[in-house]
């Protein structure tokens, strides 16, 4: 997927207020400023005015998400629910950066027993596998490079939750020959991943140049629309080892995105502080 504001804006308009409320809290928490780790209803409404959200839809979304346990409300301020289980929250790409470890050409393999899974559970399972960066190999199982710390624990935890069972086995494959290594690496669209890193970095750089001359309300609207699309793509990135992808392009995208996040921060703070 190529980043562009037209697509990002269409997606922003189409998605529900409930989703946007959760994403707004994630976005402001990312600024790493303690006083905006939680937001009041007034602050939500300040932002909502610039995102074409009605006051009624925001208030209803806050109420629904609180009742569903996704938000905490304390002294009139809302925060994302904290869960003590380590792998409940989907992995974010900046977190993964610190989990990379040298790849020893070994692979994590997940195989399932003959347990019967319902269609719903099977779909949930496939979705979880894809989010964890695993690919299916017929007659073998699900596979990915073993290049992240605590990967096996994370996969086991997620799959237990997805299937409500432990009818699977995780194993590490080592000492594979060159042909097998090449075969497995071709499971991922490597050229497509590399091109996304390059194109996204160029687009974010261009957006940084545009931001210099925009008013705060336009900065907030554009950055939220584009940022959520970027995070959506990066949150499903398989985070492959540098032996498989263009790690320099990926690192450039991370650095540029981090700089962009800092550039838009003053505009967001100004709008949050409006009376």
Protein backbone atom coordinates (compact mmCIF):
# COMPACT_ATOMS: atom_id res chain seq x y z
CA UNK A 1 0.00 0.00 0.00
CA UNK A 2 1.30 3.45 -0.94
CA UNK A 3 0.75 6.26 1.53
CA UNK A 4 -1.24 9.23 0.30
CA UNK A 5 -3.46 11.74 2.06
CA UNK A 6 -6.52 11.14 -0.14
CA UNK A 7 -6.66 7.47 0.81
CA UNK A 8 -5.83 8.22 4.44
CA UNK A 9 -8.62 10.81 4.64
CA UNK A 10 -11.17 8.45 3.09
CA UNK A 11 -10.27 5.79 5.63
CA UNK A 12 -10.50 8.33 8.43
CA UNK A 13 -14.03 9.30 7.42
CA UNK A 14 -15.13 5.69 6.98
CA UNK A 15 -13.90 4.29 10.31
CA UNK A 16 -16.02 4.40 13.45
CA UNK A 17 -15.77 6.94 16.25
CA UNK A 18 -15.05 4.05 18.64
CA UNK A 19 -11.91 3.14 16.71
CA UNK A 20 -10.78 6.76 16.46
CA UNK A 21 -11.17 7.31 20.20
CA UNK A 22 -8.82 4.41 20.95
CA UNK A 23 -6.36 5.55 18.28
CA UNK A 24 -6.34 9.11 19.61
CA UNK A 25 -5.30 7.86 23.04
CA UNK A 26 -2.59 5.72 21.46
CA UNK A 27 -1.36 8.68 19.42
CA UNK A 28 -1.17 11.13 22.32
CA UNK A 29 0.46 8.53 24.57
CA UNK A 30 3.14 8.19 21.91
CA UNK A 31 4.23 11.77 22.54
CA UNK A 32 5.63 10.47 25.84
CA UNK A 33 4.37 13.45 27.83
CA UNK A 34 2.85 12.34 31.17
CA UNK A 35 0.12 14.99 31.30
CA UNK A 36 -1.49 13.69 28.10
CA UNK A 37 -1.32 9.97 28.84
CA UNK A 38 -4.98 10.48 29.72
CA UNK A 39 -7.49 12.80 28.06
CA UNK A 40 -10.61 14.52 29.31
CA UNK A 41 -13.85 14.53 27.35
CA UNK A 42 -13.19 18.19 26.59
CA UNK A 43 -9.81 17.37 25.05
CA UNK A 44 -11.39 14.65 22.94
CA UNK A 45 -13.94 17.17 21.72
CA UNK A 46 -11.22 19.72 20.93
CA UNK A 47 -9.60 17.17 18.64
CA UNK A 48 -12.90 15.86 17.27
CA UNK A 49 -13.79 19.26 15.83
CA UNK A 50 -10.82 18.96 13.47
CA UNK A 51 -11.55 15.35 12.50
CA UNK A 52 -15.16 15.86 11.39
CA UNK A 53 -16.53 13.95 14.39
CA UNK A 54 -19.69 15.12 16.12
CA UNK A 55 -19.80 15.70 19.86
CA UNK A 56 -22.54 13.08 20.22
CA UNK A 57 -20.53 10.39 18.42
CA UNK A 58 -17.47 11.05 20.59
CA UNK A 59 -19.42 10.95 23.86
CA UNK A 60 -21.19 7.75 22.82
CA UNK A 61 -17.88 6.17 21.78
CA UNK A 62 -16.27 7.04 25.12
CA UNK A 63 -19.24 5.54 26.97
CA UNK A 64 -19.24 2.33 24.89
CA UNK A 65 -15.50 1.76 25.12
CA UNK A 66 -15.57 2.31 28.88
CA UNK A 67 -18.43 -0.18 29.32
CA UNK A 68 -16.58 -2.71 27.17
CA UNK A 69 -13.51 -2.39 29.37
CA UNK A 70 -11.23 -0.89 26.71
CA UNK A 71 -11.04 2.47 28.49
CA UNK A 72 -10.66 3.45 32.12
CA UNK A 73 -12.39 6.58 33.40
CA UNK A 74 -10.91 8.19 36.49
CA UNK A 75 -11.71 11.70 37.74
CA UNK A 76 -13.16 12.65 34.37
CA UNK A 77 -10.13 11.49 32.36
CA UNK A 78 -9.85 8.50 30.06
CA UNK A 79 -6.93 6.12 29.60
CA UNK A 80 -6.38 2.94 27.65
CA UNK A 81 -7.01 -0.14 29.77
CA UNK A 82 -3.80 -1.64 31.09
CA UNK A 83 -3.52 -5.41 31.01
CA UNK A 84 -0.80 -7.09 33.02
CA UNK A 85 -0.43 -9.95 30.52
CA UNK A 86 2.69 -9.19 28.48
CA UNK A 87 1.45 -10.10 25.01
CA UNK A 88 -2.14 -8.90 24.94
CA UNK A 89 -1.48 -5.55 23.29
CA UNK A 90 -0.54 -5.94 19.60
CA UNK A 91 3.14 -5.38 18.91
CA UNK A 92 4.11 -1.92 17.78
CA UNK A 93 6.97 -1.43 15.38
CA UNK A 94 9.04 0.83 17.65
CA UNK A 95 8.85 -1.82 20.38
CA UNK A 96 9.95 -4.54 17.98
CA UNK A 97 13.07 -2.56 17.17
CA UNK A 98 14.39 -3.30 20.64
CA UNK A 99 13.56 -7.00 20.40
CA UNK A 100 15.72 -7.73 17.37
CA UNK A 101 18.47 -10.23 17.96
CA UNK A 102 21.12 -11.68 15.65
CA UNK A 103 19.58 -14.24 13.35
CA UNK A 104 21.30 -17.63 13.41
CA UNK A 105 19.49 -18.91 10.29
CA UNK A 106 17.05 -20.72 12.58
CA UNK A 107 13.27 -20.78 12.19
CA UNK A 108 10.31 -20.94 14.54
CA UNK A 109 7.89 -23.67 13.47
CA UNK A 110 4.34 -24.02 14.80
CA UNK A 111 2.49 -27.26 14.11
CA UNK A 112 -1.05 -28.15 15.17
CA UNK A 113 -2.45 -31.48 16.28
CA UNK A 114 -5.56 -33.04 14.78
CA UNK A 115 -7.81 -30.95 17.01
CA UNK A 116 -10.96 -29.78 15.22
CA UNK A 117 -11.24 -25.99 15.09
CA UNK A 118 -14.41 -24.12 14.26
CA UNK A 119 -14.48 -21.84 11.24
CA UNK A 120 -14.51 -18.80 13.52
CA UNK A 121 -11.51 -20.02 15.53
CA UNK A 122 -9.66 -20.99 12.34
CA UNK A 123 -10.10 -17.51 10.91
CA UNK A 124 -8.96 -15.97 14.17
CA UNK A 125 -5.95 -18.28 14.17
CA UNK A 126 -4.92 -17.33 10.63
CA UNK A 127 -5.25 -13.65 11.50
CA UNK A 128 -3.05 -14.05 14.58
CA UNK A 129 -0.45 -15.98 12.62
CA UNK A 130 -0.29 -13.27 9.98
CA UNK A 131 0.06 -10.55 12.62
CA UNK A 132 2.94 -12.50 14.14
CA UNK A 133 4.65 -12.69 10.76
CA UNK A 134 4.29 -16.43 10.21
CA UNK A 135 3.67 -18.06 6.82
CA UNK A 136 2.03 -21.42 6.17
CA UNK A 137 4.03 -24.25 4.59
CA UNK A 138 1.88 -27.23 3.48
CA UNK A 139 2.65 -30.49 5.28
CA UNK A 140 4.89 -28.63 7.71
CA UNK A 141 3.13 -25.84 9.59
CA UNK A 142 3.54 -22.12 10.23
CA UNK A 143 7.01 -20.65 9.98
CA UNK A 144 9.05 -17.49 10.45
CA UNK A 145 12.67 -16.50 11.16
CA UNK A 146 13.52 -16.79 14.85
CA UNK A 147 15.01 -13.30 15.07
CA UNK A 148 13.04 -11.65 17.90
CA UNK A 149 13.58 -12.09 21.62
CA UNK A 150 10.74 -13.89 23.44
CA UNK A 151 9.22 -14.82 20.08
CA UNK A 152 8.28 -18.37 21.04
CA UNK A 153 6.63 -17.20 24.27
CA UNK A 154 4.68 -14.51 22.43
CA UNK A 155 3.46 -16.90 19.74
CA UNK A 156 2.44 -19.52 22.31
CA UNK A 157 0.54 -16.95 24.35
CA UNK A 158 -1.29 -15.49 21.34
CA UNK A 159 -2.25 -18.88 19.92
CA UNK A 160 -3.51 -20.15 23.27
CA UNK A 161 -5.79 -17.12 23.43
CA UNK A 162 -6.90 -17.44 19.81
CA UNK A 163 -7.75 -21.15 19.99
CA UNK A 164 -8.56 -21.44 23.71
CA UNK A 165 -6.38 -24.56 23.71
CA UNK A 166 -2.80 -25.76 23.69
CA UNK A 167 -3.18 -28.13 20.74
CA UNK A 168 -0.03 -26.95 19.02
CA UNK A 169 3.72 -27.45 19.24
CA UNK A 170 6.43 -24.80 18.83
CA UNK A 171 9.88 -25.91 17.71
CA UNK A 172 13.08 -24.30 16.45
CA UNK A 173 14.49 -25.57 13.14
CA UNK A 174 18.26 -25.33 12.81
CA UNK A 175 20.99 -26.42 10.39
CA UNK A 176 18.83 -26.11 7.27
CA UNK A 177 20.60 -26.41 3.93
CA UNK A 178 20.86 -23.50 1.50
CA UNK A 179 17.98 -24.68 -0.70
CA UNK A 180 15.61 -24.85 2.26
CA UNK A 181 16.71 -21.42 3.48
CA UNK A 182 16.04 -19.91 0.06
CA UNK A 183 12.70 -21.70 -0.23
CA UNK A 184 11.49 -20.43 3.12
CA UNK A 185 12.67 -16.86 2.53
CA UNK A 186 10.62 -16.70 -0.66
CA UNK A 187 7.44 -17.10 1.40
CA UNK A 188 7.50 -13.34 2.10
CA UNK A 189 6.97 -10.58 -0.51
CA UNK A 190 10.44 -9.17 0.10
CA UNK A 191 10.50 -6.78 -2.87
CA UNK A 192 7.09 -5.41 -1.86
CA UNK A 193 8.21 -4.87 1.73
CA UNK A 194 11.38 -3.08 0.63
CA UNK A 195 9.44 -0.86 -1.77
CA UNK A 196 7.01 0.11 0.97
CA UNK A 197 9.89 1.19 3.23
CA UNK A 198 11.31 3.37 0.45
CA UNK A 199 8.01 4.89 -0.72
CA UNK A 200 6.70 5.54 2.80
CA UNK A 201 9.93 7.27 3.86
CA UNK A 202 9.78 9.55 0.82
CA UNK A 203 6.15 10.41 1.48
CA UNK A 204 6.69 11.17 5.18
CA UNK A 205 9.66 13.39 4.26
CA UNK A 206 7.43 15.30 1.83
CA UNK A 207 4.75 15.58 4.50
CA UNK A 208 7.29 17.08 6.91
CA UNK A 209 8.03 19.79 4.36
CA UNK A 210 4.32 20.54 3.93
CA UNK A 211 3.80 20.71 7.68
CA UNK A 212 6.15 23.68 8.03
CA UNK A 213 3.58 25.99 6.39
CA UNK A 214 0.32 24.53 7.68
CA UNK A 215 -1.89 25.79 10.56
CA UNK A 216 -2.34 23.59 13.61
CA UNK A 217 -5.76 22.25 12.65
CA UNK A 218 -4.52 21.06 9.25
CA UNK A 219 -1.44 19.49 10.85
CA UNK A 220 -3.59 17.55 13.30
CA UNK A 221 -6.01 16.35 10.64
CA UNK A 222 -3.34 15.31 8.13
CA UNK A 223 -0.98 13.74 10.66
CA UNK A 224 -3.72 11.68 12.31
CA UNK A 225 -5.05 10.40 8.99
CA UNK A 226 -1.61 9.57 7.59
CA UNK A 227 -0.16 8.34 10.87
CA UNK A 228 -2.88 5.77 11.52
CA UNK A 229 -2.39 4.37 8.00
CA UNK A 230 1.37 4.17 8.50
CA UNK A 231 1.03 2.48 11.89
CA UNK A 232 -1.51 0.05 10.42
CA UNK A 233 1.05 -1.06 7.85
CA UNK A 234 4.00 -1.17 10.21
CA UNK A 235 2.09 -3.02 12.92
CA UNK A 236 1.68 -5.96 10.53
CA UNK A 237 5.25 -5.78 9.29
CA UNK A 238 6.82 -9.23 9.88
CA UNK A 239 10.04 -7.56 11.06
CA UNK A 240 12.30 -9.87 9.11
CA UNK A 241 16.05 -10.08 9.77
CA UNK A 242 18.49 -7.89 7.88
CA UNK A 243 19.68 -10.91 5.90
CA UNK A 244 16.28 -10.94 4.16
CA UNK A 245 15.24 -7.31 3.68
CA UNK A 246 16.69 -3.84 3.07
CA UNK A 247 17.34 -2.98 6.70
CA UNK A 248 18.73 0.46 5.79
CA UNK A 249 15.46 1.44 4.09
CA UNK A 250 13.51 0.23 7.11
CA UNK A 251 15.73 2.18 9.50
CA UNK A 252 15.38 5.35 7.39
CA UNK A 253 11.61 5.03 7.59
CA UNK A 254 11.76 4.65 11.36
CA UNK A 255 14.02 7.68 11.79
CA UNK A 256 11.95 9.87 9.47
CA UNK A 257 8.66 8.80 11.08
CA UNK A 258 10.06 9.51 14.55
CA UNK A 259 11.18 12.99 13.43
CA UNK A 260 7.76 13.65 11.93
CA UNK A 261 6.10 12.63 15.19
CA UNK A 262 8.16 15.20 17.06
CA UNK A 263 7.45 17.86 14.44
CA UNK A 264 3.67 17.57 14.80
CA UNK A 265 3.71 17.42 18.60
CA UNK A 266 3.42 21.23 19.23
CA UNK A 267 0.31 21.48 17.04
CA UNK A 268 -1.37 18.63 18.91
CA UNK A 269 -0.51 20.15 22.29
CA UNK A 270 -1.88 23.54 21.24
CA UNK A 271 -5.23 22.02 20.24
CA UNK A 272 -5.43 19.87 23.38
CA UNK A 273 -4.90 22.98 25.52
CA UNK A 274 -7.62 25.06 23.84
CA UNK A 275 -10.35 26.43 26.12
